């Protein structure tokens, strides 16, 4: 067998199997770099939303002191670009976490879960900010956010049977997945 005390050089497959034989403690998946990026996306989403909503509230606050109102208006105007920058940075992190997980061989079921939760929190923060900016569309924001979270929970409930359904799609077509 090449690479096993025979003097021959080890192949990449041998090296990969040697690293896959190494068992890490289960809790280390929490510290995988892509998962930490997911945690950062969640924190960034909350930070951006909190900053945006706070400055919008300051703008709408009816103050008797004109200087406070002018300061609040100026801060609310700068909140939108900062909100967009922070949300775009979180979106960029979303783009790189999947390829990074595959490159570092740090893929896991928990990582998939963290990625989906971070995506939903990011989109929810965006919709809440849109509703805070224009309350007339609260019904649309509520509808979209509710559908996203319901889809997430339904997919998690069906997670154990996803391979069964994927097989049925291949064999019978997508329209018979639930039949």
C-alpha atoms as a PDB file:
ATOM      1  CA  UNK A   1       0.000   0.000   0.000  1.00  0.00           C
ATOM      2  CA  UNK A   2       1.622   3.309  -1.047  1.00  0.00           C
ATOM      3  CA  UNK A   3       2.726   5.655   1.701  1.00  0.00           C
ATOM      4  CA  UNK A   4       2.428   3.050   4.500  1.00  0.00           C
ATOM      5  CA  UNK A   5       5.956   2.092   5.609  1.00  0.00           C
ATOM      6  CA  UNK A   6       6.870   0.937   2.089  1.00  0.00           C
ATOM      7  CA  UNK A   7       9.072   3.819   1.126  1.00  0.00           C
ATOM      8  CA  UNK A   8       6.650   5.045  -1.540  1.00  0.00           C
ATOM      9  CA  UNK A   9       5.274   8.548  -1.336  1.00  0.00           C
ATOM     10  CA  UNK A  10       1.795   9.053   0.057  1.00  0.00           C
ATOM     11  CA  UNK A  11      -0.970   9.966  -2.353  1.00  0.00           C
ATOM     12  CA  UNK A  12      -3.431  12.795  -1.646  1.00  0.00           C
ATOM     13  CA  UNK A  13      -6.136  10.179  -1.006  1.00  0.00           C
ATOM     14  CA  UNK A  14      -3.968   8.580   1.705  1.00  0.00           C
ATOM     15  CA  UNK A  15      -3.371  11.963   3.300  1.00  0.00           C
ATOM     16  CA  UNK A  16      -7.095  12.744   3.228  1.00  0.00           C
ATOM     17  CA  UNK A  17      -8.043   9.423   4.793  1.00  0.00           C
ATOM     18  CA  UNK A  18      -5.411   9.933   7.488  1.00  0.00           C
ATOM     19  CA  UNK A  19      -6.908  13.312   8.414  1.00  0.00           C
ATOM     20  CA  UNK A  20     -10.467  11.966   8.323  1.00  0.00           C
ATOM     21  CA  UNK A  21      -9.427   9.230  10.784  1.00  0.00           C
ATOM     22  CA  UNK A  22      -8.600  11.960  13.300  1.00  0.00           C
ATOM     23  CA  UNK A  23     -11.670  12.448  15.473  1.00  0.00           C
ATOM     24  CA  UNK A  24     -12.196  15.894  16.965  1.00  0.00           C
ATOM     25  CA  UNK A  25     -14.447  16.468  19.976  1.00  0.00           C
ATOM     26  CA  UNK A  26     -18.016  17.292  18.914  1.00  0.00           C
ATOM     27  CA  UNK A  27     -17.999  20.764  20.459  1.00  0.00           C
ATOM     28  CA  UNK A  28     -15.204  21.902  18.122  1.00  0.00           C
ATOM     29  CA  UNK A  29     -17.767  22.295  15.328  1.00  0.00           C
ATOM     30  CA  UNK A  30     -18.927  25.402  17.215  1.00  0.00           C
ATOM     31  CA  UNK A  31     -15.534  26.981  16.550  1.00  0.00           C
ATOM     32  CA  UNK A  32     -15.222  26.140  12.852  1.00  0.00           C
ATOM     33  CA  UNK A  33     -14.247  29.330  11.012  1.00  0.00           C
ATOM     34  CA  UNK A  34     -17.347  29.352   8.746  1.00  0.00           C
ATOM     35  CA  UNK A  35     -19.577  28.984  11.823  1.00  0.00           C
ATOM     36  CA  UNK A  36     -17.805  31.888  13.528  1.00  0.00           C
ATOM     37  CA  UNK A  37     -18.449  33.901  10.343  1.00  0.00           C
ATOM     38  CA  UNK A  38     -22.136  32.954  10.700  1.00  0.00           C
ATOM     39  CA  UNK A  39     -22.161  34.202  14.290  1.00  0.00           C
ATOM     40  CA  UNK A  40     -20.577  37.456  13.088  1.00  0.00           C
ATOM     41  CA  UNK A  41     -23.306  37.833  10.437  1.00  0.00           C
ATOM     42  CA  UNK A  42     -25.977  37.470  13.118  1.00  0.00           C
ATOM     43  CA  UNK A  43     -24.306  40.060  15.356  1.00  0.00           C
ATOM     44  CA  UNK A  44     -23.828  42.455  12.419  1.00  0.00           C
ATOM     45  CA  UNK A  45     -27.501  42.134  11.466  1.00  0.00           C
ATOM     46  CA  UNK A  46     -28.652  42.947  14.999  1.00  0.00           C
ATOM     47  CA  UNK A  47     -26.150  45.803  15.278  1.00  0.00           C
ATOM     48  CA  UNK A  48     -27.225  47.349  11.961  1.00  0.00           C
ATOM     49  CA  UNK A  49     -30.911  47.039  12.789  1.00  0.00           C
ATOM     50  CA  UNK A  50     -30.511  48.439  16.293  1.00  0.00           C
ATOM     51  CA  UNK A  51     -28.536  51.435  15.002  1.00  0.00           C
ATOM     52  CA  UNK A  52     -31.010  52.072  12.173  1.00  0.00           C
ATOM     53  CA  UNK A  53     -34.095  51.830  14.388  1.00  0.00           C
ATOM     54  CA  UNK A  54     -32.552  53.985  17.135  1.00  0.00           C
ATOM     55  CA  UNK A  55     -31.688  56.781  14.717  1.00  0.00           C
ATOM     56  CA  UNK A  56     -35.097  56.586  13.030  1.00  0.00           C
ATOM     57  CA  UNK A  57     -36.765  56.882  16.431  1.00  0.00           C
ATOM     58  CA  UNK A  58     -34.593  59.935  17.215  1.00  0.00           C
ATOM     59  CA  UNK A  59     -35.663  61.506  13.936  1.00  0.00           C
ATOM     60  CA  UNK A  60     -39.366  61.047  14.686  1.00  0.00           C
ATOM     61  CA  UNK A  61     -39.002  62.154  18.322  1.00  0.00           C
ATOM     62  CA  UNK A  62     -40.869  65.417  18.826  1.00  0.00           C
ATOM     63  CA  UNK A  63     -38.474  67.551  20.789  1.00  0.00           C
ATOM     64  CA  UNK A  64     -39.147  71.070  21.990  1.00  0.00           C
ATOM     65  CA  UNK A  65     -35.475  71.877  21.619  1.00  0.00           C
ATOM     66  CA  UNK A  66     -34.599  72.636  17.969  1.00  0.00           C
ATOM     67  CA  UNK A  67     -30.899  71.739  18.282  1.00  0.00           C
ATOM     68  CA  UNK A  68     -31.678  68.228  19.472  1.00  0.00           C
ATOM     69  CA  UNK A  69     -34.136  67.728  16.615  1.00  0.00           C
ATOM     70  CA  UNK A  70     -31.590  68.927  14.026  1.00  0.00           C
ATOM     71  CA  UNK A  71     -28.936  66.623  15.482  1.00  0.00           C
ATOM     72  CA  UNK A  72     -31.377  63.723  15.389  1.00  0.00           C
ATOM     73  CA  UNK A  73     -32.246  64.476  11.758  1.00  0.00           C
ATOM     74  CA  UNK A  74     -28.572  64.558  10.795  1.00  0.00           C
ATOM     75  CA  UNK A  75     -27.901  61.270  12.603  1.00  0.00           C
ATOM     76  CA  UNK A  76     -30.928  59.620  10.965  1.00  0.00           C
ATOM     77  CA  UNK A  77     -29.674  60.652   7.517  1.00  0.00           C
ATOM     78  CA  UNK A  78     -26.292  59.029   8.180  1.00  0.00           C
ATOM     79  CA  UNK A  79     -27.958  55.880   9.567  1.00  0.00           C
ATOM     80  CA  UNK A  80     -29.151  54.680   6.166  1.00  0.00           C
ATOM     81  CA  UNK A  81     -25.708  54.494   4.496  1.00  0.00           C
ATOM     82  CA  UNK A  82     -24.183  52.825   7.575  1.00  0.00           C
ATOM     83  CA  UNK A  83     -27.025  50.348   7.705  1.00  0.00           C
ATOM     84  CA  UNK A  84     -26.502  49.509   4.036  1.00  0.00           C
ATOM     85  CA  UNK A  85     -22.722  49.166   4.445  1.00  0.00           C
ATOM     86  CA  UNK A  86     -23.031  46.850   7.443  1.00  0.00           C
ATOM     87  CA  UNK A  87     -25.728  44.757   5.739  1.00  0.00           C
ATOM     88  CA  UNK A  88     -23.655  44.490   2.544  1.00  0.00           C
ATOM     89  CA  UNK A  89     -20.646  43.398   4.590  1.00  0.00           C
ATOM     90  CA  UNK A  90     -22.799  40.702   6.219  1.00  0.00           C
ATOM     91  CA  UNK A  91     -23.934  39.627   2.731  1.00  0.00           C
ATOM     92  CA  UNK A  92     -20.292  39.435   1.613  1.00  0.00           C
ATOM     93  CA  UNK A  93     -19.542  37.199   4.587  1.00  0.00           C
ATOM     94  CA  UNK A  94     -22.447  35.008   3.491  1.00  0.00           C
ATOM     95  CA  UNK A  95     -20.876  34.661   0.055  1.00  0.00           C
ATOM     96  CA  UNK A  96     -17.513  33.522   1.412  1.00  0.00           C
ATOM     97  CA  UNK A  97     -18.534  31.240   4.291  1.00  0.00           C
ATOM     98  CA  UNK A  98     -19.688  28.306   2.140  1.00  0.00           C
ATOM     99  CA  UNK A  99     -16.626  28.118  -0.137  1.00  0.00           C
ATOM    100  CA  UNK A 100     -14.407  28.659   2.906  1.00  0.00           C
ATOM    101  CA  UNK A 101     -16.080  25.752   4.713  1.00  0.00           C
ATOM    102  CA  UNK A 102     -15.440  23.465   1.752  1.00  0.00           C
ATOM    103  CA  UNK A 103     -11.879  24.690   1.299  1.00  0.00           C
ATOM    104  CA  UNK A 104     -11.039  24.166   4.988  1.00  0.00           C
ATOM    105  CA  UNK A 105     -13.030  20.909   5.082  1.00  0.00           C
ATOM    106  CA  UNK A 106     -15.135  22.346   7.899  1.00  0.00           C
ATOM    107  CA  UNK A 107     -18.563  21.438   6.583  1.00  0.00           C
ATOM    108  CA  UNK A 108     -21.165  20.217   9.066  1.00  0.00           C
ATOM    109  CA  UNK A 109     -24.891  19.914   9.597  1.00  0.00           C
ATOM    110  CA  UNK A 110     -24.580  22.499  12.357  1.00  0.00           C
ATOM    111  CA  UNK A 111     -22.871  24.855   9.881  1.00  0.00           C
ATOM    112  CA  UNK A 112     -25.792  24.505   7.478  1.00  0.00           C
ATOM    113  CA  UNK A 113     -28.150  25.356  10.332  1.00  0.00           C
ATOM    114  CA  UNK A 114     -26.104  28.407  11.390  1.00  0.00           C
ATOM    115  CA  UNK A 115     -25.939  29.626   7.778  1.00  0.00           C
ATOM    116  CA  UNK A 116     -29.706  29.364   7.293  1.00  0.00           C
ATOM    117  CA  UNK A 117     -30.444  31.058  10.634  1.00  0.00           C
ATOM    118  CA  UNK A 118     -27.970  33.856   9.822  1.00  0.00           C
ATOM    119  CA  UNK A 119     -29.588  34.303   6.387  1.00  0.00           C
ATOM    120  CA  UNK A 120     -33.057  34.538   7.917  1.00  0.00           C
ATOM    121  CA  UNK A 121     -31.951  36.973  10.618  1.00  0.00           C
ATOM    122  CA  UNK A 122     -30.191  39.100   7.992  1.00  0.00           C
ATOM    123  CA  UNK A 123     -33.289  39.239   5.766  1.00  0.00           C
ATOM    124  CA  UNK A 124     -35.556  39.843   8.769  1.00  0.00           C
ATOM    125  CA  UNK A 125     -33.390  42.796   9.823  1.00  0.00           C
ATOM    126  CA  UNK A 126     -33.664  44.212   6.313  1.00  0.00           C
ATOM    127  CA  UNK A 127     -37.452  43.897   6.273  1.00  0.00           C
ATOM    128  CA  UNK A 128     -37.809  45.393   9.741  1.00  0.00           C
ATOM    129  CA  UNK A 129     -35.673  48.365   8.658  1.00  0.00           C
ATOM    130  CA  UNK A 130     -37.859  48.786   5.565  1.00  0.00           C
ATOM    131  CA  UNK A 131     -40.989  48.765   7.726  1.00  0.00           C
ATOM    132  CA  UNK A 132     -39.486  51.244  10.186  1.00  0.00           C
ATOM    133  CA  UNK A 133     -38.620  53.535   7.270  1.00  0.00           C
ATOM    134  CA  UNK A 134     -42.089  53.166   5.702  1.00  0.00           C
ATOM    135  CA  UNK A 135     -44.767  51.637   7.975  1.00  0.00           C
ATOM    136  CA  UNK A 136     -47.259  51.485   5.092  1.00  0.00           C
ATOM    137  CA  UNK A 137     -45.642  48.228   3.956  1.00  0.00           C
ATOM    138  CA  UNK A 138     -45.714  46.491   7.341  1.00  0.00           C
ATOM    139  CA  UNK A 139     -48.098  43.861   5.981  1.00  0.00           C
ATOM    140  CA  UNK A 140     -45.647  42.929   3.231  1.00  0.00           C
ATOM    141  CA  UNK A 141     -42.703  42.743   5.616  1.00  0.00           C
ATOM    142  CA  UNK A 142     -44.687  40.580   8.017  1.00  0.00           C
ATOM    143  CA  UNK A 143     -45.800  38.292   5.190  1.00  0.00           C
ATOM    144  CA  UNK A 144     -42.302  37.778   3.786  1.00  0.00           C
ATOM    145  CA  UNK A 145     -40.620  37.322   7.165  1.00  0.00           C
ATOM    146  CA  UNK A 146     -43.328  34.894   8.308  1.00  0.00           C
ATOM    147  CA  UNK A 147     -43.012  32.830   5.132  1.00  0.00           C
ATOM    148  CA  UNK A 148     -39.222  32.658   5.438  1.00  0.00           C
ATOM    149  CA  UNK A 149     -39.306  31.484   9.055  1.00  0.00           C
ATOM    150  CA  UNK A 150     -42.158  29.029   8.417  1.00  0.00           C
ATOM    151  CA  UNK A 151     -40.194  27.582   5.499  1.00  0.00           C
ATOM    152  CA  UNK A 152     -37.141  27.299   7.729  1.00  0.00           C
ATOM    153  CA  UNK A 153     -39.012  25.461  10.476  1.00  0.00           C
ATOM    154  CA  UNK A 154     -40.781  23.182   7.997  1.00  0.00           C
ATOM    155  CA  UNK A 155     -37.478  22.296   6.337  1.00  0.00           C
ATOM    156  CA  UNK A 156     -35.945  21.478   9.721  1.00  0.00           C
ATOM    157  CA  UNK A 157     -38.850  19.196  10.600  1.00  0.00           C
ATOM    158  CA  UNK A 158     -38.444  17.364   7.281  1.00  0.00           C
ATOM    159  CA  UNK A 159     -34.623  17.288   7.488  1.00  0.00           C
ATOM    160  CA  UNK A 160     -34.566  13.637   8.455  1.00  0.00           C
ATOM    161  CA  UNK A 161     -36.543  12.607   5.397  1.00  0.00           C
ATOM    162  CA  UNK A 162     -34.886  14.835   2.805  1.00  0.00           C
ATOM    163  CA  UNK A 163     -32.887  12.016   1.234  1.00  0.00           C
ATOM    164  CA  UNK A 164     -36.021   9.919   0.822  1.00  0.00           C
ATOM    165  CA  UNK A 165     -37.790  12.796  -0.925  1.00  0.00           C
ATOM    166  CA  UNK A 166     -34.757  13.585  -3.078  1.00  0.00           C
ATOM    167  CA  UNK A 167     -34.754   9.971  -4.274  1.00  0.00           C
ATOM    168  CA  UNK A 168     -38.448  10.215  -5.159  1.00  0.00           C
ATOM    169  CA  UNK A 169     -37.814  13.388  -7.166  1.00  0.00           C
ATOM    170  CA  UNK A 170     -35.137  11.633  -9.199  1.00  0.00           C
ATOM    171  CA  UNK A 171     -37.285   8.534  -9.751  1.00  0.00           C
ATOM    172  CA  UNK A 172     -40.752  10.057 -10.227  1.00  0.00           C
ATOM    173  CA  UNK A 173     -40.374  13.791 -10.883  1.00  0.00           C
ATOM    174  CA  UNK A 174     -40.702  16.776  -8.578  1.00  0.00           C
ATOM    175  CA  UNK A 175     -44.505  16.883  -8.760  1.00  0.00           C
ATOM    176  CA  UNK A 176     -44.769  13.531  -6.947  1.00  0.00           C
ATOM    177  CA  UNK A 177     -42.491  14.375  -4.036  1.00  0.00           C
ATOM    178  CA  UNK A 178     -45.326  14.394  -1.473  1.00  0.00           C
ATOM    179  CA  UNK A 179     -47.516  11.709  -3.097  1.00  0.00           C
END
